[in-house]
C-alpha atoms as a PDB file:
ATOM      1  CA  MET A   1     -10.733 -62.252 -10.910  1.00  0.00           C
ATOM      2  CA  SER A   2     -13.849 -60.036 -11.366  1.00  0.00           C
ATOM      3  CA  THR A   3     -13.470 -58.727  -7.884  1.00  0.00           C
ATOM      4  CA  PHE A   4      -9.783 -57.834  -8.456  1.00  0.00           C
ATOM      5  CA  LYS A   5     -10.626 -55.977 -11.713  1.00  0.00           C
ATOM      6  CA  THR A   6     -13.376 -54.061  -9.958  1.00  0.00           C
ATOM      7  CA  ASN A   7     -10.977 -53.042  -6.985  1.00  0.00           C
ATOM      8  CA  ILE A   8      -8.397 -51.831  -9.651  1.00  0.00           C
ATOM      9  CA  TRP A   9     -11.156 -49.662 -11.327  1.00  0.00           C
ATOM     10  CA  ARG A  10     -12.286 -48.338  -8.005  1.00  0.00           C
ATOM     11  CA  ASN A  11      -8.748 -47.457  -7.194  1.00  0.00           C
ATOM     12  CA  VAL A  12      -8.213 -45.733 -10.609  1.00  0.00           C
ATOM     13  CA  ALA A  13     -11.503 -43.911 -10.309  1.00  0.00           C
ATOM     14  CA  GLY A  14     -10.540 -42.773  -6.817  1.00  0.00           C
ATOM     15  CA  ILE A  15      -7.199 -41.395  -8.096  1.00  0.00           C
ATOM     16  CA  VAL A  16      -8.792 -39.761 -11.067  1.00  0.00           C
ATOM     17  CA  ALA A  17     -11.387 -38.068  -8.715  1.00  0.00           C
ATOM     18  CA  ILE A  18      -8.668 -36.716  -6.491  1.00  0.00           C
ATOM     19  CA  ILE A  19      -6.770 -35.379  -9.566  1.00  0.00           C
ATOM     20  CA  VAL A  20      -9.871 -33.770 -10.952  1.00  0.00           C
ATOM     21  CA  ILE A  21     -10.605 -31.921  -7.690  1.00  0.00           C
ATOM     22  CA  ILE A  22      -7.116 -30.716  -7.465  1.00  0.00           C
ATOM     23  CA  LEU A  23      -7.277 -29.516 -11.037  1.00  0.00           C
ATOM     24  CA  CYS A  24     -10.429 -27.674 -10.285  1.00  0.00           C
ATOM     25  CA  PHE A  25      -8.748 -25.902  -7.361  1.00  0.00           C
ATOM     26  CA  MET A  26      -5.893 -25.032  -9.545  1.00  0.00           C
ATOM     27  CA  LEU A  27      -8.319 -23.780 -12.111  1.00  0.00           C
ATOM     28  CA  PHE A  28     -10.156 -21.483  -9.523  1.00  0.00           C
ATOM     29  CA  SER A  29      -6.703 -20.234  -8.328  1.00  0.00           C
ATOM     30  CA  ASN A  30      -5.738 -19.474 -11.805  1.00  0.00           C
ATOM     31  CA  PHE A  31      -8.828 -17.483 -12.512  1.00  0.00           C
ATOM     32  CA  ALA A  32      -8.410 -15.488  -9.326  1.00  0.00           C
ATOM     33  CA  ASN A  33      -4.746 -14.805 -10.128  1.00  0.00           C
ATOM     34  CA  THR A  34      -5.504 -13.731 -13.696  1.00  0.00           C
ATOM     35  CA  ALA A  35      -8.224 -11.333 -12.419  1.00  0.00           C
ATOM     36  CA  ARG A  36      -5.810  -9.867  -9.894  1.00  0.00           C
ATOM     37  CA  LEU A  37      -3.105  -9.403 -12.572  1.00  0.00           C
ATOM     38  CA  LYS A  38      -5.580  -7.573 -14.783  1.00  0.00           C
ATOM     39  CA  SER A  39      -6.647  -5.319 -12.016  1.00  0.00           C
ATOM     40  CA  ASN A  40      -2.978  -4.483 -11.381  1.00  0.00           C
ATOM     41  CA  VAL A  41      -2.407  -3.545 -14.963  1.00  0.00           C
ATOM     42  CA  LYS A  42      -5.348  -1.256 -14.883  1.00  0.00           C
ATOM     43  CA  ALA A  43      -4.216   0.289 -11.637  1.00  0.00           C
ATOM     44  CA  LEU A  44      -0.765   1.078 -13.294  1.00  0.00           C
ATOM     45  CA  THR A  45      -2.238   2.800 -16.073  1.00  0.00           C
ATOM     46  CA  THR A  46      -4.775   4.788 -13.899  1.00  0.00           C
ATOM     47  CA  GLU A  47      -3.836   8.275 -13.017  1.00  0.00           C
ATOM     48  CA  ASN A  48      -4.670   9.843  -9.599  1.00  0.00           C
ATOM     49  CA  ALA A  49      -8.142  11.267  -9.368  1.00  0.00           C
ATOM     50  CA  THR A  50      -8.669  14.299  -7.092  1.00  0.00           C
ATOM     51  CA  TYR A  51     -12.122  15.414  -6.115  1.00  0.00           C
ATOM     52  CA  LYS A  52     -13.732  17.611  -3.531  1.00  0.00           C
ATOM     53  CA  ASN A  53     -15.261  15.650  -0.609  1.00  0.00           C
ATOM     54  CA  LYS A  54     -18.133  16.365   1.560  1.00  0.00           C
ATOM     55  CA  LEU A  55     -15.808  17.909   4.123  1.00  0.00           C
ATOM     56  CA  GLY A  56     -15.052  20.644   1.687  1.00  0.00           C
ATOM     57  CA  THR A  57     -11.365  19.458   1.142  1.00  0.00           C
ATOM     58  CA  GLU A  58      -9.707  17.416  -1.542  1.00  0.00           C
ATOM     59  CA  THR A  59      -9.289  13.703  -1.689  1.00  0.00           C
ATOM     60  CA  THR A  60      -6.957  12.043  -4.017  1.00  0.00           C
ATOM     61  CA  ARG A  61      -7.666   8.409  -4.991  1.00  0.00           C
ATOM     62  CA  ASN A  62      -5.963   5.679  -7.026  1.00  0.00           C
ATOM     63  CA  GLU A  63      -6.438   2.062  -7.544  1.00  0.00           C
ATOM     64  CA  ARG A  64      -4.566  -0.278  -5.271  1.00  0.00           C
ATOM     65  CA  LEU A  65      -1.976  -2.879  -6.513  1.00  0.00           C
ATOM     66  CA  VAL A  66      -2.539  -6.314  -4.981  1.00  0.00           C
ATOM     67  CA  MET A  67       0.645  -8.432  -4.863  1.00  0.00           C
ATOM     68  CA  THR A  68       1.940 -11.559  -3.405  1.00  0.00           C
ATOM     69  CA  VAL A  69       4.599 -11.463  -0.794  1.00  0.00           C
ATOM     70  CA  GLY A  70       7.318 -12.225  -3.303  1.00  0.00           C
ATOM     71  CA  GLU A  71       5.957  -9.653  -5.914  1.00  0.00           C
ATOM     72  CA  LEU A  72       5.860  -7.011  -3.186  1.00  0.00           C
ATOM     73  CA  LYS A  73       9.406  -7.699  -2.181  1.00  0.00           C
ATOM     74  CA  GLN A  74      10.807  -7.972  -5.656  1.00  0.00           C
ATOM     75  CA  ASN A  75       8.898  -4.939  -7.339  1.00  0.00           C
ATOM     76  CA  VAL A  76       8.588  -2.525  -4.377  1.00  0.00           C
ATOM     77  CA  ILE A  77      10.793  -3.151  -1.376  1.00  0.00           C
ATOM     78  CA  ASN A  78      13.941  -4.161  -3.113  1.00  0.00           C
ATOM     79  CA  LYS A  79      13.737  -1.225  -5.668  1.00  0.00           C
ATOM     80  CA  ASP A  80      13.227   1.569  -3.085  1.00  0.00           C
ATOM     81  CA  GLU A  81      16.059   2.011  -0.553  1.00  0.00           C
ATOM     82  CA  LYS A  82      13.931   3.971   1.906  1.00  0.00           C
ATOM     83  CA  ILE A  83      11.157   1.332   1.912  1.00  0.00           C
ATOM     84  CA  LYS A  84      13.673  -1.371   2.101  1.00  0.00           C
ATOM     85  CA  VAL A  85      15.188   0.095   5.358  1.00  0.00           C
ATOM     86  CA  LEU A  86      11.727   0.923   6.859  1.00  0.00           C
ATOM     87  CA  THR A  87      10.352  -2.672   6.340  1.00  0.00           C
ATOM     88  CA  LYS A  88      13.313  -4.382   7.837  1.00  0.00           C
ATOM     89  CA  GLY A  89      11.782  -4.526  11.314  1.00  0.00           C
ATOM     90  CA  PHE A  90       8.538  -6.157  10.075  1.00  0.00           C
ATOM     91  CA  ALA A  91       7.804  -9.845  10.383  1.00  0.00           C
ATOM     92  CA  LYS A  92       5.086  -9.344   7.713  1.00  0.00           C
ATOM     93  CA  VAL A  93       4.128  -6.464   5.568  1.00  0.00           C
ATOM     94  CA  ASN A  94       0.601  -6.013   4.634  1.00  0.00           C
ATOM     95  CA  THR A  95       0.420  -2.698   2.890  1.00  0.00           C
ATOM     96  CA  ILE A  96       2.709   0.031   1.723  1.00  0.00           C
ATOM     97  CA  VAL A  97       1.349   3.443   0.882  1.00  0.00           C
ATOM     98  CA  THR A  98       3.575   6.200  -0.507  1.00  0.00           C
ATOM     99  CA  THR A  99       2.158   9.755  -0.512  1.00  0.00           C
ATOM    100  CA  LYS A 100       3.521  12.968  -1.963  1.00  0.00           C
ATOM    101  CA  THR A 101       2.078  16.398  -0.965  1.00  0.00           C
ATOM    102  CA  THR A 102       2.538  20.010  -1.727  1.00  0.00           C
ATOM    103  CA  THR A 103       1.451  22.702   0.714  1.00  0.00           C
ATOM    104  CA  THR A 104       1.131  26.243  -0.399  1.00  0.00           C
ATOM    105  CA  ILE A 105       1.040  29.067   2.220  1.00  0.00           C
ATOM    106  CA  PRO A 106      -0.400  32.202   0.883  1.00  0.00           C
ATOM    107  CA  GLY A 107       1.720  35.307   0.599  1.00  0.00           C
ATOM    108  CA  MET A 108       1.348  38.118   3.059  1.00  0.00           C
ATOM    109  CA  THR A 109       2.677  41.740   3.571  1.00  0.00           C
ATOM    110  CA  ILE A 110       3.739  42.995   6.981  1.00  0.00           C
ATOM    111  CA  PRO A 111       3.853  46.787   7.037  1.00  0.00           C
ATOM    112  CA  PHE A 112       6.289  48.710   9.231  1.00  0.00           C
ATOM    113  CA  GLU A 113       4.744  50.805  11.892  1.00  0.00           C
ATOM    114  CA  LYS A 114       6.710  53.684  10.480  1.00  0.00           C
ATOM    115  CA  PRO A 115       8.238  53.727   6.999  1.00  0.00           C
ATOM    116  CA  VAL A 116      12.015  53.619   6.903  1.00  0.00           C
ATOM    117  CA  PRO A 117      13.213  56.995   5.865  1.00  0.00           C
ATOM    118  CA  CYS A 118      15.065  55.671   2.962  1.00  0.00           C
ATOM    119  CA  ASN A 119      14.111  54.529  -0.559  1.00  0.00           C
ATOM    120  CA  PHE A 120      15.168  50.962  -1.215  1.00  0.00           C
ATOM    121  CA  VAL A 121      14.030  47.729  -2.514  1.00  0.00           C
ATOM    122  CA  ARG A 122      15.405  44.188  -1.793  1.00  0.00           C
ATOM    123  CA  GLU A 123      13.908  41.080  -3.139  1.00  0.00           C
ATOM    124  CA  GLY A 124      14.876  37.463  -3.786  1.00  0.00           C
ATOM    125  CA  ALA A 125      13.880  33.859  -3.255  1.00  0.00           C
ATOM    126  CA  ILE A 126      15.031  30.901  -1.276  1.00  0.00           C
ATOM    127  CA  PHE A 127      15.050  27.451  -2.658  1.00  0.00           C
ATOM    128  CA  ARG A 128      15.622  24.353  -0.519  1.00  0.00           C
ATOM    129  CA  ASP A 129      14.982  20.562  -0.980  1.00  0.00           C
ATOM    130  CA  TRP A 130      11.708  20.808   0.871  1.00  0.00           C
ATOM    131  CA  PHE A 131      10.491  24.275   0.528  1.00  0.00           C
ATOM    132  CA  SER A 132      10.741  27.522  -1.444  1.00  0.00           C
ATOM    133  CA  MET A 133       9.735  31.136  -0.819  1.00  0.00           C
ATOM    134  CA  GLY A 134      10.099  34.587  -2.154  1.00  0.00           C
ATOM    135  CA  TYR A 135      10.395  37.894  -0.373  1.00  0.00           C
ATOM    136  CA  LYS A 136      10.484  41.643  -1.012  1.00  0.00           C
ATOM    137  CA  VAL A 137      11.590  44.336   1.384  1.00  0.00           C
ATOM    138  CA  ASP A 138      11.255  48.118   0.945  1.00  0.00           C
ATOM    139  CA  SER A 139      10.749  51.144   3.041  1.00  0.00           C
ATOM    140  CA  THR A 140       7.182  50.378   3.844  1.00  0.00           C
ATOM    141  CA  GLY A 141       7.328  46.741   4.838  1.00  0.00           C
ATOM    142  CA  ILE A 142       8.112  43.149   4.216  1.00  0.00           C
ATOM    143  CA  THR A 143       6.188  41.028   1.602  1.00  0.00           C
ATOM    144  CA  PHE A 144       6.379  37.272   1.666  1.00  0.00           C
ATOM    145  CA  LYS A 145       5.407  35.537  -1.560  1.00  0.00           C
ATOM    146  CA  PRO A 146       3.516  32.185  -1.414  1.00  0.00           C
ATOM    147  CA  THR A 147       5.579  29.536   0.332  1.00  0.00           C
ATOM    148  CA  VAL A 148       5.632  26.001  -1.227  1.00  0.00           C
ATOM    149  CA  ILE A 149       6.401  23.108   1.175  1.00  0.00           C
ATOM    150  CA  HIS A 150       6.951  19.631  -0.335  1.00  0.00           C
ATOM    151  CA  GLY A 151       6.094  16.431   1.659  1.00  0.00           C
ATOM    152  CA  GLU A 152       6.591  12.802   1.320  1.00  0.00           C
ATOM    153  CA  GLN A 153       5.136  10.002   3.549  1.00  0.00           C
ATOM    154  CA  ILE A 154       5.657   6.284   3.618  1.00  0.00           C
ATOM    155  CA  SER A 155       2.907   4.370   5.501  1.00  0.00           C
ATOM    156  CA  ILE A 156       3.436   0.717   6.288  1.00  0.00           C
ATOM    157  CA  THR A 157       1.044  -1.639   7.906  1.00  0.00           C
ATOM    158  CA  GLY A 158       1.941  -5.183   9.028  1.00  0.00           C
ATOM    159  CA  PHE A 159       3.076  -7.284  11.998  1.00  0.00           C
ATOM    160  CA  LYS A 160       6.080  -6.813  14.288  1.00  0.00           C
ATOM    161  CA  ARG A 161       7.510  -9.024  16.997  1.00  0.00           C
ATOM    162  CA  LYS A 162      10.139  -8.282  19.689  1.00  0.00           C
ATOM    163  CA  TRP A 163      11.933 -11.612  19.112  1.00  0.00           C
ATOM    164  CA  LEU A 164      11.855 -14.507  16.672  1.00  0.00           C
ATOM    165  CA  LEU A 165       9.212 -16.543  18.409  1.00  0.00           C
ATOM    166  CA  GLY A 166       7.532 -13.587  20.121  1.00  0.00           C
ATOM    167  CA  LYS A 167       3.888 -12.574  19.749  1.00  0.00           C
ATOM    168  CA  GLN A 168       3.064 -10.681  16.636  1.00  0.00           C
ATOM    169  CA  THR A 169       1.505  -7.093  17.045  1.00  0.00           C
ATOM    170  CA  ALA A 170      -0.375  -5.427  14.332  1.00  0.00           C
ATOM    171  CA  VAL A 171       1.136  -1.998  13.699  1.00  0.00           C
ATOM    172  CA  THR A 172       0.956   1.136  11.415  1.00  0.00           C
ATOM    173  CA  GLU A 173       3.998   3.174  10.895  1.00  0.00           C
ATOM    174  CA  VAL A 174       4.086   6.622   9.198  1.00  0.00           C
ATOM    175  CA  THR A 175       7.455   8.100   8.185  1.00  0.00           C
ATOM    176  CA  ASN A 176       7.851  11.564   7.011  1.00  0.00           C
ATOM    177  CA  ILE A 177      10.740  12.006   4.548  1.00  0.00           C
ATOM    178  CA  ASN A 178      10.637  15.762   4.899  1.00  0.00           C
ATOM    179  CA  PRO A 179      12.750  16.412   8.097  1.00  0.00           C
ATOM    180  CA  PHE A 180      10.635  19.443   8.890  1.00  0.00           C
ATOM    181  CA  THR A 181       7.451  17.533   9.148  1.00  0.00           C
ATOM    182  CA  LYS A 182       6.349  15.750  12.255  1.00  0.00           C
ATOM    183  CA  THR A 183       3.517  13.366  12.720  1.00  0.00           C
ATOM    184  CA  VAL A 184       1.727  14.118  15.916  1.00  0.00           C
ATOM    185  CA  ASP A 185      -0.955  11.275  15.952  1.00  0.00           C
ATOM    186  CA  VAL A 186      -1.639   8.058  14.019  1.00  0.00           C
ATOM    187  CA  LYS A 187      -4.842   5.918  14.258  1.00  0.00           C
ATOM    188  CA  SER A 188      -5.307   2.814  12.072  1.00  0.00           C
ATOM    189  CA  TYR A 189      -8.380   0.703  11.561  1.00  0.00           C
ATOM    190  CA  GLU A 190      -8.806  -2.495   9.593  1.00  0.00           C
ATOM    191  CA  THR A 191     -11.659  -4.949   8.909  1.00  0.00           C
ATOM    192  CA  THR A 192     -11.113  -8.574   8.449  1.00  0.00           C
ATOM    193  CA  VAL A 193     -12.284  -9.957   5.104  1.00  0.00           C
ATOM    194  CA  PRO A 194     -13.606 -13.570   5.224  1.00  0.00           C
ATOM    195  CA  LYS A 195     -12.314 -15.943   2.685  1.00  0.00           C
ATOM    196  CA  LYS A 196     -14.758 -17.360   0.282  1.00  0.00           C
ATOM    197  CA  TRP A 197     -15.791 -20.955   0.928  1.00  0.00           C
ATOM    198  CA  TYR A 198     -13.861 -22.335  -1.987  1.00  0.00           C
ATOM    199  CA  ASP A 199     -10.675 -20.326  -1.414  1.00  0.00           C
ATOM    200  CA  SER A 200      -8.977 -22.852   0.791  1.00  0.00           C
ATOM    201  CA  LYS A 201      -6.376 -25.495  -0.164  1.00  0.00           C
ATOM    202  CA  LEU A 202      -7.300 -27.634   2.758  1.00  0.00           C
ATOM    203  CA  LEU A 203     -10.958 -27.749   1.606  1.00  0.00           C
ATOM    204  CA  TRP A 204     -10.089 -28.837  -1.836  1.00  0.00           C
ATOM    205  CA  LEU A 205      -7.487 -31.372  -0.618  1.00  0.00           C
ATOM    206  CA  SER A 206     -10.029 -32.844   1.937  1.00  0.00           C
ATOM    207  CA  ALA A 207     -12.674 -33.077  -0.639  1.00  0.00           C
ATOM    208  CA  GLY A 208     -10.386 -34.860  -3.002  1.00  0.00           C
ATOM    209  CA  LEU A 209      -9.248 -37.364  -0.453  1.00  0.00           C
ATOM    210  CA  ILE A 210     -12.784 -38.095   0.751  1.00  0.00           C
ATOM    211  CA  THR A 211     -14.156 -38.475  -2.683  1.00  0.00           C
ATOM    212  CA  GLY A 212     -11.349 -40.782  -3.630  1.00  0.00           C
ATOM    213  CA  ALA A 213     -11.797 -42.893  -0.458  1.00  0.00           C
ATOM    214  CA  LEU A 214     -15.587 -43.251  -1.042  1.00  0.00           C
ATOM    215  CA  ILE A 215     -14.985 -44.404  -4.623  1.00  0.00           C
ATOM    216  CA  ILE A 216     -12.313 -46.840  -3.657  1.00  0.00           C
ATOM    217  CA  ASN A 217     -14.445 -48.303  -0.790  1.00  0.00           C
END
């Protein structure tokens, strides 16, 4: 009878140990998820920061939103028709970066070799979806006012495969929404980030089963 009770208590202790280890894993995961959500809230309320870099040009920086696959699909892909279309060919999407730019070309004056023997002035402006410019023509030459060109890019990194069970290839695709802009070269680099030792479901499950088995035996 005493041996029977001992075995029961060992079995109960083993089950409790497994449950405790699983709860610890869930607790660690919850802490990590809470930290991620707090970081995302901060990123949403942080404005773009522009600064002059060591190359002498401008760099614009913003904090990155980190989402699960489901969150990315629900909050980004399904809410933007352009992104939805561009991500259809991906087996897995890792990152989506949207960029908007404004290019300003300084104005210039082109004088005529010989003034036109007539006094006149014609001036105006052209406004299109992707650019705007002003001009002035008189008897001495043509003056172009600053030209403003608007740009928009969608950059997607992830994996593509030629068929359902085919080999996955890591790719980066850059799409210009401005039809007058052409990308002439793309190079993409990525580092692999090793997971922390405790960030593994298999590790925690194995630890729970081993601990439970040792207690039971």
